[in-house]
Amino acid sequence: MEHFVAWIAGSVTARFSGNPGVKKWLDRGVGTAFVGFGIKLATSHR
């Protein structure tokens, strides 16, 4: 499943990377996801 999501994300990025407005929103979305994963990791208990 993770490979499928990565493939879809790569396809979408490749298709819309020429449009600066879409690229800005993709960058924001990816940045938000990384921050969310970082917070989740920082607050998780072992």
PDB file of N, CA and C in Angstrom:
ATOM      1  N   MET A   1       0.826  -1.194   0.000  1.00  0.00           N
ATOM      2  CA  MET A   1       0.000   0.000   0.000  1.00  0.00           C
ATOM      3  C   MET A   1       0.871   1.260   0.000  1.00  0.00           C
ATOM      4  N   GLU A   2       1.957   1.243   0.767  1.00  0.00           N
ATOM      5  CA  GLU A   2       2.812   2.423   0.849  1.00  0.00           C
ATOM      6  C   GLU A   2       3.458   2.729  -0.495  1.00  0.00           C
ATOM      7  N   HIS A   3       3.808   1.679  -1.245  1.00  0.00           N
ATOM      8  CA  HIS A   3       4.405   1.898  -2.560  1.00  0.00           C
ATOM      9  C   HIS A   3       3.399   2.547  -3.505  1.00  0.00           C
ATOM     10  N   PHE A   4       2.154   2.149  -3.387  1.00  0.00           N
ATOM     11  CA  PHE A   4       1.097   2.718  -4.224  1.00  0.00           C
ATOM     12  C   PHE A   4       0.929   4.208  -3.923  1.00  0.00           C
ATOM     13  N   VAL A   5       0.906   4.559  -2.643  1.00  0.00           N
ATOM     14  CA  VAL A   5       0.757   5.963  -2.251  1.00  0.00           C
ATOM     15  C   VAL A   5       1.946   6.778  -2.756  1.00  0.00           C
ATOM     16  N   ALA A   6       3.156   6.229  -2.620  1.00  0.00           N
ATOM     17  CA  ALA A   6       4.346   6.930  -3.107  1.00  0.00           C
ATOM     18  C   ALA A   6       4.292   7.100  -4.625  1.00  0.00           C
ATOM     19  N   TRP A   7       3.832   6.091  -5.334  1.00  0.00           N
ATOM     20  CA  TRP A   7       3.723   6.172  -6.793  1.00  0.00           C
ATOM     21  C   TRP A   7       2.717   7.252  -7.197  1.00  0.00           C
ATOM     22  N   ILE A   8       1.571   7.273  -6.545  1.00  0.00           N
ATOM     23  CA  ILE A   8       0.545   8.283  -6.830  1.00  0.00           C
ATOM     24  C   ILE A   8       1.087   9.679  -6.533  1.00  0.00           C
ATOM     25  N   ALA A   9       1.759   9.849  -5.392  1.00  0.00           N
ATOM     26  CA  ALA A   9       2.301  11.153  -5.032  1.00  0.00           C
ATOM     27  C   ALA A   9       3.346  11.609  -6.052  1.00  0.00           C
ATOM     28  N   GLY A  10       4.179  10.692  -6.500  1.00  0.00           N
ATOM     29  CA  GLY A  10       5.172  11.036  -7.510  1.00  0.00           C
ATOM     30  C   GLY A  10       4.542  11.421  -8.829  1.00  0.00           C
ATOM     31  N   SER A  11       3.497  10.710  -9.212  1.00  0.00           N
ATOM     32  CA  SER A  11       2.801  11.013 -10.460  1.00  0.00           C
ATOM     33  C   SER A  11       2.140  12.392 -10.407  1.00  0.00           C
ATOM     34  N   VAL A  12       1.498  12.686  -9.304  1.00  0.00           N
ATOM     35  CA  VAL A  12       0.836  13.977  -9.147  1.00  0.00           C
ATOM     36  C   VAL A  12       1.874  15.102  -9.155  1.00  0.00           C
ATOM     37  N   THR A  13       2.970  14.891  -8.439  1.00  0.00           N
ATOM     38  CA  THR A  13       4.021  15.908  -8.395  1.00  0.00           C
ATOM     39  C   THR A  13       4.616  16.148  -9.771  1.00  0.00           C
ATOM     40  N   ALA A  14       4.880  15.088 -10.503  1.00  0.00           N
ATOM     41  CA  ALA A  14       5.461  15.231 -11.838  1.00  0.00           C
ATOM     42  C   ALA A  14       4.500  15.957 -12.782  1.00  0.00           C
ATOM     43  N   ARG A  15       3.230  15.670 -12.658  1.00  0.00           N
ATOM     44  CA  ARG A  15       2.242  16.273 -13.556  1.00  0.00           C
ATOM     45  C   ARG A  15       2.056  17.761 -13.286  1.00  0.00           C
ATOM     46  N   PHE A  16       2.066  18.154 -12.023  1.00  0.00           N
ATOM     47  CA  PHE A  16       1.747  19.536 -11.670  1.00  0.00           C
ATOM     48  C   PHE A  16       2.954  20.376 -11.290  1.00  0.00           C
ATOM     49  N   SER A  17       4.155  19.844 -11.417  1.00  0.00           N
ATOM     50  CA  SER A  17       5.332  20.586 -10.969  1.00  0.00           C
ATOM     51  C   SER A  17       5.609  21.821 -11.822  1.00  0.00           C
ATOM     52  N   GLY A  18       5.080  21.877 -13.018  1.00  0.00           N
ATOM     53  CA  GLY A  18       5.289  23.039 -13.867  1.00  0.00           C
ATOM     54  C   GLY A  18       4.460  24.247 -13.466  1.00  0.00           C
ATOM     55  N   ASN A  19       3.412  24.034 -12.703  1.00  0.00           N
ATOM     56  CA  ASN A  19       2.526  25.109 -12.276  1.00  0.00           C
ATOM     57  C   ASN A  19       2.981  25.634 -10.910  1.00  0.00           C
ATOM     58  N   PRO A  20       3.458  26.874 -10.824  1.00  0.00           N
ATOM     59  CA  PRO A  20       3.993  27.387  -9.548  1.00  0.00           C
ATOM     60  C   PRO A  20       2.972  27.414  -8.407  1.00  0.00           C
ATOM     61  N   GLY A  21       1.722  27.705  -8.727  1.00  0.00           N
ATOM     62  CA  GLY A  21       0.701  27.746  -7.673  1.00  0.00           C
ATOM     63  C   GLY A  21       0.452  26.377  -7.076  1.00  0.00           C
ATOM     64  N   VAL A  22       0.368  25.368  -7.927  1.00  0.00           N
ATOM     65  CA  VAL A  22       0.151  24.007  -7.450  1.00  0.00           C
ATOM     66  C   VAL A  22       1.376  23.517  -6.697  1.00  0.00           C
ATOM     67  N   LYS A  23       2.557  23.863  -7.191  1.00  0.00           N
ATOM     68  CA  LYS A  23       3.793  23.442  -6.523  1.00  0.00           C
ATOM     69  C   LYS A  23       3.863  24.009  -5.113  1.00  0.00           C
ATOM     70  N   LYS A  24       3.440  25.261  -4.941  1.00  0.00           N
ATOM     71  CA  LYS A  24       3.451  25.879  -3.618  1.00  0.00           C
ATOM     72  C   LYS A  24       2.538  25.119  -2.659  1.00  0.00           C
ATOM     73  N   TRP A  25       1.349  24.749  -3.119  1.00  0.00           N
ATOM     74  CA  TRP A  25       0.421  24.024  -2.260  1.00  0.00           C
ATOM     75  C   TRP A  25       0.893  22.605  -1.984  1.00  0.00           C
ATOM     76  N   LEU A  26       1.534  21.957  -2.962  1.00  0.00           N
ATOM     77  CA  LEU A  26       2.107  20.631  -2.719  1.00  0.00           C
ATOM     78  C   LEU A  26       3.212  20.715  -1.673  1.00  0.00           C
ATOM     79  N   ASP A  27       4.068  21.726  -1.769  1.00  0.00           N
ATOM     80  CA  ASP A  27       5.135  21.906  -0.791  1.00  0.00           C
ATOM     81  C   ASP A  27       4.561  22.144   0.607  1.00  0.00           C
ATOM     82  N   ARG A  28       3.523  22.929   0.683  1.00  0.00           N
ATOM     83  CA  ARG A  28       2.884  23.173   1.984  1.00  0.00           C
ATOM     84  C   ARG A  28       2.284  21.895   2.558  1.00  0.00           C
ATOM     85  N   GLY A  29       1.643  21.126   1.703  1.00  0.00           N
ATOM     86  CA  GLY A  29       1.037  19.870   2.166  1.00  0.00           C
ATOM     87  C   GLY A  29       2.079  18.883   2.662  1.00  0.00           C
ATOM     88  N   VAL A  30       3.163  18.754   1.910  1.00  0.00           N
ATOM     89  CA  VAL A  30       4.230  17.842   2.319  1.00  0.00           C
ATOM     90  C   VAL A  30       4.894  18.338   3.604  1.00  0.00           C
ATOM     91  N   GLY A  31       5.114  19.626   3.696  1.00  0.00           N
ATOM     92  CA  GLY A  31       5.694  20.190   4.915  1.00  0.00           C
ATOM     93  C   GLY A  31       4.812  19.957   6.125  1.00  0.00           C
ATOM     94  N   THR A  32       3.519  20.140   5.957  1.00  0.00           N
ATOM     95  CA  THR A  32       2.573  19.905   7.047  1.00  0.00           C
ATOM     96  C   THR A  32       2.580  18.447   7.467  1.00  0.00           C
ATOM     97  N   ALA A  33       2.656  17.536   6.484  1.00  0.00           N
ATOM     98  CA  ALA A  33       2.702  16.109   6.807  1.00  0.00           C
ATOM     99  C   ALA A  33       3.961  15.775   7.604  1.00  0.00           C
ATOM    100  N   PHE A  34       5.108  16.314   7.200  1.00  0.00           N
ATOM    101  CA  PHE A  34       6.346  16.043   7.924  1.00  0.00           C
ATOM    102  C   PHE A  34       6.297  16.601   9.348  1.00  0.00           C
ATOM    103  N   VAL A  35       5.754  17.790   9.511  1.00  0.00           N
ATOM    104  CA  VAL A  35       5.624  18.358  10.848  1.00  0.00           C
ATOM    105  C   VAL A  35       4.693  17.486  11.691  1.00  0.00           C
ATOM    106  N   GLY A  36       3.591  17.050  11.107  1.00  0.00           N
ATOM    107  CA  GLY A  36       2.665  16.167  11.828  1.00  0.00           C
ATOM    108  C   GLY A  36       3.316  14.862  12.238  1.00  0.00           C
ATOM    109  N   PHE A  37       4.083  14.248  11.327  1.00  0.00           N
ATOM    110  CA  PHE A  37       4.781  13.010  11.673  1.00  0.00           C
ATOM    111  C   PHE A  37       5.823  13.252  12.762  1.00  0.00           C
ATOM    112  N   GLY A  38       6.491  14.395  12.706  1.00  0.00           N
ATOM    113  CA  GLY A  38       7.479  14.727  13.733  1.00  0.00           C
ATOM    114  C   GLY A  38       6.840  14.892  15.100  1.00  0.00           C
ATOM    115  N   ILE A  39       5.706  15.558  15.147  1.00  0.00           N
ATOM    116  CA  ILE A  39       4.993  15.722  16.415  1.00  0.00           C
ATOM    117  C   ILE A  39       4.513  14.377  16.940  1.00  0.00           C
ATOM    118  N   LYS A  40       3.999  13.552  16.053  1.00  0.00           N
ATOM    119  CA  LYS A  40       3.550  12.228  16.455  1.00  0.00           C
ATOM    120  C   LYS A  40       4.709  11.411  17.017  1.00  0.00           C
ATOM    121  N   LEU A  41       5.840  11.472  16.349  1.00  0.00           N
ATOM    122  CA  LEU A  41       7.019  10.750  16.809  1.00  0.00           C
ATOM    123  C   LEU A  41       7.515  11.289  18.147  1.00  0.00           C
ATOM    124  N   ALA A  42       7.513  12.609  18.296  1.00  0.00           N
ATOM    125  CA  ALA A  42       7.996  13.216  19.535  1.00  0.00           C
ATOM    126  C   ALA A  42       7.084  12.908  20.722  1.00  0.00           C
ATOM    127  N   THR A  43       5.806  12.728  20.477  1.00  0.00           N
ATOM    128  CA  THR A  43       4.868  12.487  21.579  1.00  0.00           C
ATOM    129  C   THR A  43       4.547  11.018  21.796  1.00  0.00           C
ATOM    130  N   SER A  44       5.107  10.143  20.963  1.00  0.00           N
ATOM    131  CA  SER A  44       4.809   8.714  21.116  1.00  0.00           C
ATOM    132  C   SER A  44       5.617   8.129  22.277  1.00  0.00           C
ATOM    133  N   HIS A  45       5.030   7.149  22.910  1.00  0.00           N
ATOM    134  CA  HIS A  45       5.680   6.461  24.013  1.00  0.00           C
ATOM    135  C   HIS A  45       6.165   5.104  23.533  1.00  0.00           C
ATOM    136  N   ARG A  46       7.294   4.695  24.030  1.00  0.00           N
ATOM    137  CA  ARG A  46       7.829   3.373  23.628  1.00  0.00           C
ATOM    138  C   ARG A  46       7.277   2.290  24.482  1.00  0.00           C
TER     139      ARG A  46
END
